Amino acid sequence: MGSFTTCIVTEINAQKAVATSPSSLKQNDNNSHEIKTFQDGFCGVNPKPNSTEYITEYVLPQSCEMPLGIGVDVKEDRVWYVSTKKGILGSYNLEEDKFNEENIIPTWPSRDNPREFSQVWDVEIDNRRKAEGGDGDVWFTDGKRNAIWRFITSTNTFERYIVPGQSRDFGTTYPASIEFDPYSDNIIYFVGMFKPSIWIAEVDKLKNGTSEGISEIPIPIKGFEGTDPVFITTGSLAFDETKNAVWVSVMVYGYKGQIFKYNIDTKSFDIFNLPRELSSPWGLTVDDDGDLWVTNAGSSIFYKLRPKGDNNESNNVEDFEIEKFVTSKGSFRIFGKLPEDKIERDFQNTYYTLPSMIKKSNDGSIWFNEQHGNKISKFDPPTRTLIEYWIPTQNRLWGICSNDNYDNESPGDNSNKNNEICGIANALQLSIANQDDSDNDDTDIWFSEWSQNKIGKVEATEHPPFSIEIFESDKELTIERGEKEKIKFTLKAAEQPSSSLADIRMIASGSFTSSGDIGSATGEFTKLPSSISIERGEEREVSFEFIPSVHEKPGNYTLMIGAENDSISYLKAVNIRII
C-alpha cells in the first residue's frame, strides 16, 4: 500500500479496516458488528456542527454520506458536494443558508452495501456557457464506476460517460481530476490515477451511458524502467493559461516523481524529472506567473516549481527552479495527552501533516488542505506568508493518539475506549468561492470532512489577530554549519483582533526534514515562556536562535517562523543557505 498516493492509501486502508476487523469478523455485510465498525470510522456518528472564529461546519441532511468532492458555484450561490456512500449530489444554498433537496444519482451500487463507497475526488462547476444562456452544469468523477458524471442543472438530470480504457491491475482507471479548457467551452480534460493518460471529452459529442466523445492521449512514461506498472500512479492535472498547456503529475509513490506538460497547440509532451526528495507529486495548480505549486504526498512539504524551459530531449532536475515550503508541525492536540515518558517533539518530528489538494485563488494566493494536520491553509507567495485555520472537529479513530495501541492501526478499530479528544476530521477536498467582483475581497473556502458527515467553510480573515514580520536583514541568510544565527522578528497584535490574544505559542518548522522538523539542527525562541499573552496593538521583538548541525548537507532550505493560538497559525518563510 505504500506504493500509492496518500489518497489511494486512505481508501485502501478504509477497506482494510472493514475487511480485517480485530475481532475476526464474519464475511457478512449484514453483520451488525462489522457495520458498527464501519460507521464508527467513516460515518461521523452523532455529528455536531463545531466552529471557530474562522470555520463554520454544517452537518449533512442524511446520515453517513461520506462527502468528498466539493465545488462552489458563486454565480448561483450554491455549494455542491457528492455523498460517496449514498450516491447523492447535494447542495447548500448560500443565499438562504440551508441545504437544498438532494439529488439521487441514478446508479450507485455502493449505497446498497453498508460498507462500500465510490470515491469522488473532484467536483467542478462548468459556467463557461453562462454568457450564452447555458447552464452551470456539475461534473464529478466516479472512481469505482470508471466514469465521469454530468448533472444538467436546467433539467435536473444525470448523464454518465464511461472512460474508454481500463487499468490492467485495477479495472477502473479511477478518474480523479478534472480541468476545463478556458479557451473552448466544449473541451474537458481529466486523468485517472491508475492509467497514465490524459482523457479529452468533447461535450457536444458525449452520449449518456457510452464512451462516445472521449479520446485518450497516452502519457509517454519514461524513466520508470524496471518498475512494475502497477506502482505508477497519476496524481492530478492543472491547466496552464500562460502556455495553453496541461500539466500532469506522475509518480511511483515514495520513489520517483515526474511532471509532464502537454502542449495543446503542438500536441506534444515535455517531460520533467524531479529530485529524489520530491518523489510523490500529487496536487497541482498553476499561478498567474506560470509557476507550478505541488504537494508531495506523504510529507509536510509543498513546492513551487518554476520551469526553465521546454524539455523534449533531456530529463534533468535543473529544468525546474525548485523552492520548498513546509507547514507548521502537527499540533499537539492531534496526539492528545502525552505519556510521561514521551515528549511532544518525539511525535511531531515523525508526523506528516499531508498537504494534498492545492488550488489558486483569484487573488493569487495558494490554498490547500492539511489532511493529517487538520487544517485548511493559505500561502501568499509575494509576502511568503502561511496562514493555517484549525478545523474544530477531531475523530480519534483517524489520528495517532499518543496512548493508543499502535499494534492495531486500522482507523475503524474502536477497541480503544479512551474518550480523550485527539485525531483529525479527514478534510480531503476543498473549493474556493472566488468572487468575480474586484471590489469584493471576501474569499470563502469550502471543504469536505469525509469521515465526519459534514462540510465546512473557512471565512478567510484579512486581519489576523497577530502577525509576524521578519527583520529585512534576516529574510535571507547564509549560515555555516555549527554556527549560531539569531533571526530577529516582530510579533504584532492587531488593533482589532479577530480571535484571542491569550495563550499564543511561538512555532517553527523547516524543510530540513519531510515532517517539518528541523532535524539535527537546534533552534529555540529566546526569553519566551511556552505561551504568552499580548495586548491589542502591542509589538514585541522576538528572536529565534538557530544552529545547523555540522553534519547538515549544504544547500538551500526554508525555515518557517510564526505563532499560533487554538484557531489560527501565522508563519513567515526565511531563506536559509547552509554552507
Protein backbone atom coordinates (compact mmCIF):
# COMPACT_ATOMS: atom_id res chain seq x y z
CA MET A 1 0.00 0.00 0.00
CA GLY A 2 2.95 2.32 0.45
CA SER A 3 3.30 2.44 -3.32
CA PHE A 4 0.20 4.56 -3.92
CA THR A 5 -0.59 8.18 -3.36
CA THR A 6 -1.88 9.12 0.05
CA CYS A 7 -5.44 9.40 -1.23
CA ILE A 8 -5.35 5.84 -2.51
CA VAL A 9 -3.81 4.69 0.76
CA THR A 10 -6.73 6.36 2.53
CA GLU A 11 -9.26 4.33 0.61
CA ILE A 12 -7.31 1.08 0.74
CA ASN A 13 -6.82 1.49 4.49
CA ALA A 14 -10.53 2.18 4.82
CA GLN A 15 -11.38 -1.02 3.01
CA LYS A 16 -8.76 -2.90 5.02
CA ALA A 17 -10.21 -1.60 8.27
CA VAL A 18 -13.57 -3.03 7.31
CA ALA A 19 -12.23 -6.32 5.97
CA THR A 20 -9.74 -7.06 8.77
CA SER A 21 -11.52 -6.10 11.96
CA PRO A 22 -9.62 -7.18 15.09
CA SER A 23 -12.48 -9.47 16.12
CA SER A 24 -12.10 -11.92 13.18
CA LEU A 25 -15.41 -10.78 11.77
CA LYS A 26 -17.54 -12.98 9.58
CA GLN A 27 -17.73 -12.16 5.87
CA ASN A 28 -21.27 -10.89 6.07
CA ASP A 29 -22.27 -7.35 5.16
CA ASN A 30 -25.26 -7.58 7.47
CA ASN A 31 -23.15 -8.44 10.49
CA SER A 32 -24.05 -5.75 13.00
CA HIS A 33 -20.54 -5.53 14.43
CA GLU A 34 -18.98 -5.03 11.00
CA ILE A 35 -21.47 -2.31 10.19
CA LYS A 36 -20.87 -0.56 13.51
CA THR A 37 -17.11 -0.71 12.92
CA PHE A 38 -17.60 0.94 9.55
CA GLN A 39 -19.94 3.59 10.91
CA ASP A 40 -17.62 4.48 13.80
CA GLY A 41 -14.76 5.06 11.39
CA PHE A 42 -16.48 6.67 8.42
CA CYS A 43 -19.96 7.92 9.21
CA GLY A 44 -19.44 10.68 11.73
CA VAL A 45 -21.82 9.17 14.26
CA ASN A 46 -23.86 11.84 16.10
CA PRO A 47 -22.05 14.72 14.36
CA LYS A 48 -22.17 18.22 15.81
CA PRO A 49 -21.56 21.48 13.89
CA ASN A 50 -18.47 22.83 15.63
CA SER A 51 -16.98 26.24 14.87
CA THR A 52 -14.13 28.64 15.49
CA GLU A 53 -13.83 32.34 14.72
CA TYR A 54 -12.97 31.39 11.13
CA ILE A 55 -14.53 27.99 10.42
CA THR A 56 -18.20 27.00 10.41
CA GLU A 57 -19.31 23.40 10.00
CA TYR A 58 -22.58 22.08 8.55
CA VAL A 59 -23.94 18.59 9.28
CA LEU A 60 -25.29 16.94 6.13
CA PRO A 61 -29.03 16.13 5.85
CA GLN A 62 -28.64 12.34 5.85
CA SER A 63 -26.51 10.07 8.00
CA CYS A 64 -23.25 8.55 6.75
CA GLU A 65 -22.97 10.48 3.49
CA MET A 66 -19.13 10.43 3.42
CA PRO A 67 -18.72 13.68 1.40
CA LEU A 68 -15.57 14.13 -0.61
CA GLY A 69 -15.68 16.14 -3.84
CA ILE A 70 -17.00 19.68 -3.32
CA GLY A 71 -17.44 22.65 -5.66
CA VAL A 72 -18.68 26.22 -5.23
CA ASP A 73 -20.89 27.90 -7.84
CA VAL A 74 -20.57 31.57 -6.90
CA LYS A 75 -22.90 32.64 -9.73
CA GLU A 76 -25.71 30.53 -8.31
CA ASP A 77 -24.83 30.98 -4.61
CA ARG A 78 -24.56 27.25 -4.16
CA VAL A 79 -22.06 24.71 -2.83
CA TRP A 80 -22.25 21.25 -4.42
CA TYR A 81 -20.97 18.04 -2.82
CA VAL A 82 -21.26 14.31 -3.51
CA SER A 83 -22.02 11.58 -0.98
CA THR A 84 -19.56 8.80 -1.79
CA LYS A 85 -21.56 6.34 0.31
CA LYS A 86 -25.18 7.01 -0.67
CA GLY A 87 -24.70 8.31 -4.19
CA ILE A 88 -26.24 11.72 -3.62
CA LEU A 89 -25.45 15.05 -5.24
CA GLY A 90 -26.35 17.61 -2.63
CA SER A 91 -26.07 21.37 -2.42
CA TYR A 92 -26.11 24.14 0.14
CA ASN A 93 -27.91 27.40 -0.67
CA LEU A 94 -25.61 30.25 0.30
CA GLU A 95 -28.28 32.94 0.00
CA GLU A 96 -30.90 31.12 2.07
CA ASP A 97 -28.32 29.47 4.36
CA LYS A 98 -29.82 26.00 4.16
CA PHE A 99 -29.46 22.68 2.35
CA ASN A 100 -31.42 22.16 -0.85
CA GLU A 101 -33.21 18.95 -1.70
CA GLU A 102 -30.64 16.29 -2.54
CA ASN A 103 -30.44 14.66 -5.97
CA ILE A 104 -30.18 10.87 -6.13
CA ILE A 105 -27.53 9.69 -8.61
CA PRO A 106 -29.33 7.08 -10.78
CA THR A 107 -26.91 4.18 -10.34
CA TRP A 108 -24.64 3.94 -7.32
CA PRO A 109 -24.07 0.31 -6.22
CA SER A 110 -22.24 1.36 -3.05
CA ARG A 111 -25.40 2.70 -1.43
CA ASP A 112 -26.83 -0.82 -1.32
CA ASN A 113 -23.84 -2.20 0.59
CA PRO A 114 -23.47 -0.90 4.16
CA ARG A 115 -19.67 -0.98 3.96
CA GLU A 116 -18.84 0.34 0.49
CA PHE A 117 -18.34 3.71 -1.18
CA SER A 118 -17.08 5.08 -4.51
CA GLN A 119 -14.65 7.96 -4.20
CA VAL A 120 -15.49 11.24 -5.93
CA TRP A 121 -12.28 13.23 -5.78
CA ASP A 122 -13.35 16.13 -7.97
CA VAL A 123 -16.48 18.22 -8.41
CA GLU A 124 -16.30 21.08 -10.92
CA ILE A 125 -18.93 23.63 -11.96
CA ASP A 126 -18.96 24.48 -15.67
CA ASN A 127 -20.08 28.09 -16.06
CA ARG A 128 -18.36 28.64 -19.40
CA ARG A 129 -21.66 28.81 -21.31
CA LYS A 130 -23.45 31.08 -18.87
CA ALA A 131 -22.96 34.15 -21.05
CA GLU A 132 -24.70 32.32 -23.90
CA GLY A 133 -27.68 31.37 -21.81
CA GLY A 134 -26.28 27.97 -20.91
CA ASP A 135 -26.35 26.29 -17.51
CA GLY A 136 -23.72 25.81 -14.86
CA ASP A 137 -23.65 22.04 -15.05
CA VAL A 138 -21.99 19.99 -12.32
CA TRP A 139 -19.29 17.49 -13.33
CA PHE A 140 -17.81 14.89 -11.00
CA THR A 141 -15.62 11.79 -11.06
CA ASP A 142 -16.64 8.26 -10.10
CA GLY A 143 -13.68 6.07 -9.18
CA LYS A 144 -15.45 2.75 -8.81
CA ARG A 145 -17.60 3.05 -11.97
CA ASN A 146 -14.71 4.28 -14.17
CA ALA A 147 -16.76 7.28 -15.29
CA ILE A 148 -17.36 10.98 -15.10
CA TRP A 149 -20.85 12.30 -14.42
CA ARG A 150 -22.67 15.42 -15.56
CA PHE A 151 -25.64 16.87 -13.71
CA ILE A 152 -27.58 19.09 -16.11
CA THR A 153 -28.99 21.75 -13.83
CA SER A 154 -31.60 23.06 -16.29
CA THR A 155 -33.37 19.67 -16.36
CA ASN A 156 -32.18 18.14 -13.06
CA THR A 157 -30.96 15.06 -14.91
CA PHE A 158 -27.78 12.99 -14.72
CA GLU A 159 -25.63 11.63 -17.51
CA ARG A 160 -22.74 9.16 -17.06
CA TYR A 161 -19.85 8.97 -19.52
CA ILE A 162 -17.71 5.85 -19.40
CA VAL A 163 -13.93 6.09 -19.73
CA PRO A 164 -12.91 4.10 -22.86
CA GLY A 165 -10.00 2.41 -21.14
CA GLN A 166 -9.12 0.26 -18.15
CA SER A 167 -6.30 -0.34 -15.72
CA ARG A 168 -4.56 -3.66 -16.20
CA ASP A 169 -4.45 -4.29 -12.47
CA PHE A 170 -7.48 -2.43 -11.09
CA GLY A 171 -10.02 -2.42 -13.90
CA THR A 172 -11.10 1.16 -13.36
CA THR A 173 -8.79 3.97 -14.40
CA TYR A 174 -10.02 5.71 -11.24
CA PRO A 175 -10.91 9.16 -12.64
CA ALA A 176 -9.93 11.77 -10.08
CA SER A 177 -9.06 15.20 -11.52
CA ILE A 178 -10.98 17.41 -13.98
CA GLU A 179 -9.98 20.66 -15.72
CA PHE A 180 -12.00 22.81 -18.13
CA ASP A 181 -10.33 24.34 -21.17
CA PRO A 182 -10.79 28.11 -20.63
CA TYR A 183 -10.42 28.75 -24.36
CA SER A 184 -13.04 26.26 -25.50
CA ASP A 185 -16.37 25.73 -23.77
CA ASN A 186 -16.57 22.32 -25.44
CA ILE A 187 -13.42 20.66 -24.05
CA ILE A 188 -12.86 18.95 -20.69
CA TYR A 189 -9.62 17.28 -19.62
CA PHE A 190 -9.37 14.63 -16.93
CA VAL A 191 -6.98 11.96 -15.64
CA GLY A 192 -7.35 8.67 -13.80
CA MET A 193 -4.92 7.61 -11.11
CA PHE A 194 -4.48 4.05 -12.35
CA LYS A 195 -3.74 4.73 -16.03
CA PRO A 196 -1.14 7.27 -17.28
CA SER A 197 -3.25 9.06 -19.88
CA ILE A 198 -4.93 12.39 -20.43
CA TRP A 199 -8.57 12.00 -21.44
CA ILE A 200 -10.30 14.64 -23.54
CA ALA A 201 -14.10 14.91 -23.51
CA GLU A 202 -15.81 16.89 -26.28
CA VAL A 203 -19.01 17.98 -24.59
CA ASP A 204 -21.19 18.23 -27.69
CA LYS A 205 -20.27 14.67 -28.71
CA LEU A 206 -20.86 12.96 -25.36
CA LYS A 207 -23.64 10.40 -25.19
CA ASN A 208 -25.14 9.16 -21.93
CA GLY A 209 -24.07 5.65 -20.93
CA THR A 210 -21.33 5.41 -23.57
CA SER A 211 -17.74 6.42 -24.26
CA GLU A 212 -18.59 8.48 -27.32
CA GLY A 213 -16.83 11.85 -27.41
CA ILE A 214 -13.96 10.78 -25.13
CA SER A 215 -10.46 10.31 -26.58
CA GLU A 216 -7.18 9.24 -25.00
CA ILE A 217 -3.73 10.80 -25.10
CA PRO A 218 -1.24 8.31 -23.59
CA ILE A 219 1.39 9.95 -21.40
CA PRO A 220 4.88 8.95 -22.64
CA ILE A 221 6.10 7.38 -19.42
CA LYS A 222 9.90 7.26 -19.32
CA GLY A 223 12.41 6.82 -16.56
CA PHE A 224 10.49 4.15 -14.66
CA GLU A 225 12.15 1.22 -16.41
CA GLY A 226 12.19 -1.91 -14.29
CA THR A 227 9.22 -0.73 -12.22
CA ASP A 228 6.04 -2.79 -12.25
CA PRO A 229 3.40 -0.57 -13.94
CA VAL A 230 1.01 -1.27 -11.06
CA PHE A 231 3.05 1.17 -8.98
CA ILE A 232 2.97 4.04 -11.49
CA THR A 233 0.25 6.44 -10.35
CA THR A 234 -1.12 9.60 -11.95
CA GLY A 235 -1.63 12.41 -9.43
CA SER A 236 -3.67 15.26 -10.87
CA LEU A 237 -3.72 17.80 -13.69
CA ALA A 238 -3.81 21.58 -13.96
CA PHE A 239 -4.47 23.88 -16.91
CA ASP A 240 -1.81 26.49 -17.67
CA GLU A 241 -3.37 29.51 -19.38
CA THR A 242 0.03 31.20 -19.80
CA LYS A 243 1.25 28.38 -22.06
CA ASN A 244 -2.03 26.85 -23.29
CA ALA A 245 -0.90 23.58 -21.80
CA VAL A 246 -1.97 20.90 -19.34
CA TRP A 247 0.39 19.81 -16.55
CA VAL A 248 0.12 16.29 -15.11
CA SER A 249 1.94 14.72 -12.17
CA VAL A 250 3.03 11.07 -12.23
CA MET A 251 4.83 9.07 -9.55
CA VAL A 252 5.97 5.82 -8.11
CA TYR A 253 4.96 6.69 -4.57
CA GLY A 254 7.94 7.34 -2.33
CA TYR A 255 10.42 6.50 -5.07
CA LYS A 256 10.26 8.83 -8.07
CA GLY A 257 8.15 11.68 -9.46
CA GLN A 258 7.79 13.31 -12.86
CA ILE A 259 5.84 16.24 -14.24
CA PHE A 260 4.51 16.21 -17.81
CA LYS A 261 3.45 19.23 -19.81
CA TYR A 262 1.08 18.55 -22.69
CA ASN A 263 1.30 21.37 -25.23
CA ILE A 264 -2.16 21.72 -26.73
CA ASP A 265 -1.09 23.65 -29.85
CA THR A 266 1.63 21.19 -30.90
CA LYS A 267 0.04 18.10 -29.32
CA SER A 268 3.42 17.23 -27.79
CA PHE A 269 4.79 16.44 -24.33
CA ASP A 270 7.66 17.90 -22.35
CA ILE A 271 8.97 15.65 -19.59
CA PHE A 272 10.46 17.00 -16.35
CA ASN A 273 12.21 14.80 -13.82
CA LEU A 274 12.05 15.73 -10.15
CA PRO A 275 14.68 15.33 -7.44
CA ARG A 276 14.54 12.25 -5.23
CA GLU A 277 13.07 14.18 -2.32
CA LEU A 278 10.07 15.20 -4.44
CA SER A 279 9.18 11.61 -5.18
CA SER A 280 5.38 11.77 -4.86
CA PRO A 281 3.93 14.84 -6.61
CA TRP A 282 0.17 14.82 -6.14
CA GLY A 283 -1.81 18.07 -6.06
CA LEU A 284 -1.08 20.65 -8.80
CA THR A 285 -2.07 24.21 -9.51
CA VAL A 286 -0.60 26.94 -11.74
CA ASP A 287 -0.31 30.54 -10.58
CA ASP A 288 -0.58 33.69 -12.70
CA ASP A 289 3.18 33.68 -13.36
CA GLY A 290 3.10 30.17 -14.80
CA ASP A 291 4.75 28.65 -11.72
CA LEU A 292 3.59 25.23 -10.56
CA TRP A 293 2.61 24.63 -6.97
CA VAL A 294 2.82 20.99 -5.96
CA THR A 295 2.12 18.93 -2.87
CA ASN A 296 4.32 15.95 -2.07
CA ALA A 297 2.21 13.02 -0.86
CA GLY A 298 3.20 11.57 2.50
CA SER A 299 5.04 14.65 3.83
CA SER A 300 4.51 18.14 5.25
CA ILE A 301 6.13 19.82 2.23
CA PHE A 302 4.71 21.83 -0.65
CA TYR A 303 6.78 23.20 -3.54
CA LYS A 304 6.97 25.97 -6.07
CA LEU A 305 8.37 24.76 -9.39
CA ARG A 306 9.43 27.35 -11.95
CA PRO A 307 10.04 25.74 -15.36
CA LYS A 308 13.26 26.87 -17.02
CA GLY A 309 12.06 25.91 -20.48
CA ASP A 310 10.71 23.12 -22.63
CA ASN A 311 12.43 19.80 -22.26
CA ASN A 312 11.58 17.35 -25.02
CA GLU A 313 15.03 15.78 -25.16
CA SER A 314 16.58 15.62 -21.71
CA ASN A 315 15.40 14.63 -18.27
CA ASN A 316 17.26 16.91 -15.92
CA VAL A 317 16.39 18.06 -12.43
CA GLU A 318 17.67 21.52 -13.37
CA ASP A 319 14.71 22.05 -15.70
CA PHE A 320 12.84 23.40 -12.67
CA GLU A 321 13.88 26.02 -10.20
CA ILE A 322 12.56 24.46 -7.00
CA GLU A 323 11.65 26.19 -3.78
CA LYS A 324 10.43 24.17 -0.83
CA PHE A 325 7.98 25.33 1.81
CA VAL A 326 6.61 23.48 4.80
CA THR A 327 3.56 23.66 7.04
CA SER A 328 3.75 24.05 10.79
CA LYS A 329 4.39 20.76 12.56
CA GLY A 330 1.50 18.56 13.67
CA SER A 331 -0.40 20.12 16.57
CA PHE A 332 -0.05 18.51 19.98
CA ARG A 333 -3.87 18.43 20.02
CA ILE A 334 -3.81 15.74 17.33
CA PHE A 335 -1.85 13.41 19.62
CA GLY A 336 -3.79 14.06 22.82
CA LYS A 337 -2.24 13.94 26.27
CA LEU A 338 1.27 12.51 26.04
CA PRO A 339 2.50 9.77 28.37
CA GLU A 340 5.08 10.90 30.91
CA ASP A 341 7.90 9.12 29.06
CA LYS A 342 7.16 10.92 25.78
CA ILE A 343 7.83 14.47 24.65
CA GLU A 344 5.92 16.45 22.07
CA ARG A 345 8.76 16.65 19.56
CA ASP A 346 9.08 12.83 19.51
CA PHE A 347 5.65 12.71 17.94
CA GLN A 348 5.92 15.82 15.81
CA ASN A 349 9.19 15.01 14.08
CA THR A 350 7.79 11.77 12.63
CA TYR A 351 4.27 13.03 11.89
CA TYR A 352 3.29 14.37 8.47
CA THR A 353 0.57 16.99 8.02
CA LEU A 354 -0.11 15.82 4.42
CA PRO A 355 -0.85 18.89 2.29
CA SER A 356 -2.73 17.29 -0.60
CA MET A 357 -5.28 19.14 -2.73
CA ILE A 358 -3.97 22.56 -3.77
CA LYS A 359 -5.71 25.39 -5.63
CA LYS A 360 -5.12 29.01 -6.65
CA SER A 361 -7.46 31.81 -5.66
CA ASN A 362 -8.25 34.78 -7.90
CA ASP A 363 -6.14 37.00 -5.63
CA GLY A 364 -3.06 34.86 -6.35
CA SER A 365 -2.95 33.07 -3.01
CA ILE A 366 -2.47 29.30 -2.84
CA TRP A 367 -4.87 27.19 -0.77
CA PHE A 368 -4.50 23.57 0.34
CA ASN A 369 -5.82 21.14 2.91
CA GLU A 370 -3.63 19.52 5.53
CA GLN A 371 -5.35 16.17 5.91
CA HIS A 372 -3.35 14.97 8.91
CA GLY A 373 -2.58 18.48 10.11
CA ASN A 374 -6.35 19.06 10.49
CA LYS A 375 -6.13 22.48 8.90
CA ILE A 376 -7.09 24.46 5.80
CA SER A 377 -4.19 26.68 4.77
CA LYS A 378 -3.42 29.74 2.67
CA PHE A 379 0.01 30.68 1.33
CA ASP A 380 0.60 34.15 -0.10
CA PRO A 381 3.60 33.98 -2.48
CA PRO A 382 4.52 37.72 -2.59
CA THR A 383 4.72 38.03 1.19
CA ARG A 384 5.74 34.39 1.79
CA THR A 385 3.10 34.16 4.49
CA LEU A 386 1.35 30.95 5.56
CA ILE A 387 -1.93 31.18 7.47
CA GLU A 388 -3.45 27.93 8.76
CA TYR A 389 -7.00 27.54 10.05
CA TRP A 390 -7.64 24.81 12.62
CA ILE A 391 -10.62 22.52 11.89
CA PRO A 392 -12.64 22.22 15.14
CA THR A 393 -13.67 18.55 14.68
CA GLN A 394 -11.47 15.58 15.53
CA ASN A 395 -12.01 11.83 15.23
CA ARG A 396 -9.57 9.79 17.30
CA LEU A 397 -10.08 6.74 15.05
CA TRP A 398 -8.27 8.61 12.27
CA GLY A 399 -5.50 10.15 14.35
CA ILE A 400 -2.35 8.90 16.06
CA CYS A 401 -3.42 9.40 19.63
CA SER A 402 -0.49 9.15 21.98
CA ASN A 403 -1.85 6.42 24.26
CA ASP A 404 -3.49 4.24 21.62
CA ASN A 405 -2.38 0.69 20.90
CA TYR A 406 -0.02 1.08 17.92
CA ASP A 407 -0.14 -2.63 17.16
CA ASN A 408 -3.53 -2.04 15.58
CA GLU A 409 -3.54 0.82 13.08
CA SER A 410 -6.93 0.24 11.47
CA PRO A 411 -8.89 3.53 11.50
CA GLY A 412 -12.13 1.62 12.02
CA ASP A 413 -10.91 -0.12 15.16
CA ASN A 414 -12.88 1.14 18.14
CA SER A 415 -11.20 -1.13 20.67
CA ASN A 416 -9.65 1.82 22.50
CA LYS A 417 -12.36 3.19 24.76
CA ASN A 418 -10.45 6.32 25.73
CA ASN A 419 -12.70 9.33 25.19
CA GLU A 420 -9.86 11.84 25.07
CA ILE A 421 -10.17 14.37 22.24
CA CYS A 422 -7.50 13.81 19.62
CA GLY A 423 -7.26 12.84 15.96
CA ILE A 424 -8.38 14.52 12.74
CA ALA A 425 -11.53 15.33 10.75
CA ASN A 426 -10.30 13.91 7.43
CA ALA A 427 -10.67 17.09 5.38
CA LEU A 428 -9.85 15.67 1.95
CA GLN A 429 -11.02 18.19 -0.64
CA LEU A 430 -11.66 21.92 -0.90
CA SER A 431 -13.12 24.52 -3.27
CA ILE A 432 -12.57 28.27 -3.43
CA ALA A 433 -15.53 30.65 -3.67
CA ASN A 434 -13.71 33.16 -5.88
CA GLN A 435 -15.53 36.45 -6.22
CA ASP A 436 -15.60 38.00 -9.70
CA ASP A 437 -16.26 41.45 -8.24
CA SER A 438 -12.87 43.13 -7.88
CA ASP A 439 -14.28 45.32 -5.09
CA ASN A 440 -15.16 42.26 -3.04
CA ASP A 441 -12.19 40.98 -1.04
CA ASP A 442 -14.12 38.17 0.65
CA THR A 443 -12.90 34.66 -0.07
CA ASP A 444 -14.65 31.66 1.43
CA ILE A 445 -13.13 28.20 1.24
CA TRP A 446 -15.44 25.20 1.43
CA PHE A 447 -14.15 21.76 2.34
CA SER A 448 -15.45 18.27 2.99
CA GLU A 449 -14.97 16.18 6.13
CA TRP A 450 -15.10 12.71 4.61
CA SER A 451 -15.39 10.66 7.81
CA GLN A 452 -17.45 13.19 9.80
CA ASN A 453 -20.61 13.64 7.65
CA LYS A 454 -20.01 17.37 7.42
CA ILE A 455 -18.87 20.12 5.13
CA GLY A 456 -17.20 23.25 6.39
CA LYS A 457 -16.49 26.85 5.43
CA VAL A 458 -13.41 28.95 6.10
CA GLU A 459 -14.05 32.68 6.22
CA ALA A 460 -10.57 33.91 5.44
CA THR A 461 -9.57 36.90 7.50
CA GLU A 462 -7.78 39.91 6.05
CA HIS A 463 -6.86 40.97 9.57
CA PRO A 464 -5.42 38.08 11.61
CA PRO A 465 -5.23 38.59 15.39
CA PHE A 466 -1.43 38.63 15.27
CA SER A 467 1.25 38.65 12.63
CA ILE A 468 4.97 38.12 12.20
CA GLU A 469 7.34 40.49 10.47
CA ILE A 470 10.89 39.22 9.87
CA PHE A 471 13.63 41.85 10.03
CA GLU A 472 14.67 42.72 6.48
CA SER A 473 18.27 41.73 7.21
CA ASP A 474 17.16 38.25 8.31
CA LYS A 475 14.83 37.24 5.48
CA GLU A 476 17.69 35.59 3.58
CA LEU A 477 20.65 34.18 5.47
CA THR A 478 23.81 32.24 4.76
CA ILE A 479 24.89 30.18 7.77
CA GLU A 480 27.91 27.99 8.30
CA ARG A 481 27.29 24.55 9.73
CA GLY A 482 27.71 24.56 13.50
CA GLU A 483 27.49 28.37 13.70
CA LYS A 484 24.73 30.19 15.60
CA GLU A 485 22.47 32.72 13.87
CA LYS A 486 19.91 34.88 15.64
CA ILE A 487 16.87 35.53 13.44
CA LYS A 488 15.02 38.64 14.62
CA PHE A 489 11.37 39.39 14.02
CA THR A 490 8.42 41.31 15.43
CA LEU A 491 5.28 39.74 16.86
CA LYS A 492 2.44 42.21 16.26
CA ALA A 493 -1.03 42.15 17.78
CA ALA A 494 -3.88 43.54 15.70
CA GLU A 495 -5.71 46.66 16.83
CA GLN A 496 -8.99 44.80 16.43
CA PRO A 497 -8.06 41.12 16.69
CA SER A 498 -10.36 38.51 15.18
CA SER A 499 -9.53 35.95 17.88
CA SER A 500 -7.89 35.70 21.29
CA LEU A 501 -4.54 37.30 22.08
CA ALA A 502 -4.07 34.98 25.05
CA ASP A 503 -2.22 31.65 25.01
CA ILE A 504 -0.18 32.45 21.90
CA ARG A 505 2.53 29.91 21.20
CA MET A 506 5.63 30.54 19.08
CA ILE A 507 6.23 27.86 16.43
CA ALA A 508 8.93 26.97 13.93
CA SER A 509 9.33 24.34 11.24
CA GLY A 510 11.70 23.78 8.35
CA SER A 511 12.27 21.99 5.08
CA PHE A 512 15.22 20.11 6.60
CA THR A 513 13.03 17.02 7.03
CA SER A 514 9.85 15.86 5.29
CA SER A 515 7.87 16.23 8.53
CA GLY A 516 8.79 19.89 9.01
CA ASP A 517 11.09 19.18 11.94
CA ILE A 518 14.44 20.99 11.90
CA GLY A 519 16.19 17.65 12.15
CA SER A 520 19.67 17.61 13.68
CA ALA A 521 19.74 21.41 13.90
CA THR A 522 18.91 23.20 17.13
CA GLY A 523 16.59 26.16 17.45
CA GLU A 524 14.76 27.99 20.19
CA PHE A 525 12.90 31.22 20.79
CA THR A 526 14.83 33.30 23.27
CA LYS A 527 13.49 34.60 26.57
CA LEU A 528 9.90 33.46 25.98
CA PRO A 529 7.61 31.22 28.04
CA SER A 530 5.78 28.33 26.35
CA SER A 531 2.75 30.59 25.82
CA ILE A 532 2.30 34.34 26.01
CA SER A 533 -0.44 36.95 26.01
CA ILE A 534 -0.19 40.31 24.28
CA GLU A 535 -2.33 43.42 24.26
CA ARG A 536 -4.14 44.96 21.30
CA GLY A 537 -1.75 46.86 19.09
CA GLU A 538 1.28 45.63 21.03
CA GLU A 539 4.53 44.88 19.22
CA ARG A 540 7.15 42.63 20.72
CA GLU A 541 10.61 41.95 19.33
CA VAL A 542 11.49 38.27 19.41
CA SER A 543 14.44 36.23 18.15
CA PHE A 544 14.97 32.63 17.15
CA GLU A 545 18.43 31.18 17.70
CA PHE A 546 19.27 28.62 15.06
CA ILE A 547 22.33 26.35 14.76
CA PRO A 548 22.56 23.99 11.78
CA SER A 549 24.21 20.69 12.55
CA VAL A 550 27.81 20.22 11.48
CA HIS A 551 26.51 17.18 9.59
CA GLU A 552 23.81 19.08 7.69
CA LYS A 553 24.01 18.76 3.93
CA PRO A 554 24.93 22.13 2.36
CA GLY A 555 22.16 23.67 0.31
CA ASN A 556 19.10 25.91 0.33
CA TYR A 557 16.37 25.43 2.93
CA THR A 558 13.30 27.25 4.17
CA LEU A 559 12.65 27.99 7.81
CA MET A 560 9.06 28.85 8.80
CA ILE A 561 8.76 31.07 11.87
CA GLY A 562 5.48 32.12 13.42
CA ALA A 563 2.88 31.98 16.15
CA GLU A 564 -0.40 30.19 16.78
CA ASN A 565 -3.39 30.04 19.06
CA ASP A 566 -6.12 27.41 19.12
CA SER A 567 -7.79 28.76 15.96
CA ILE A 568 -5.12 30.09 13.62
CA SER A 569 -1.41 29.89 12.78
CA TYR A 570 0.63 32.65 11.13
CA LEU A 571 4.10 31.90 9.73
CA LYS A 572 6.69 33.63 7.56
CA ALA A 573 9.29 31.94 5.36
CA VAL A 574 13.01 32.63 5.80
CA ASN A 575 15.51 31.53 3.16
CA ILE A 576 18.44 29.66 4.69
CA ARG A 577 21.59 28.79 2.74
CA ILE A 578 23.81 26.40 4.66
CA ILE A 579 27.48 26.22 3.72
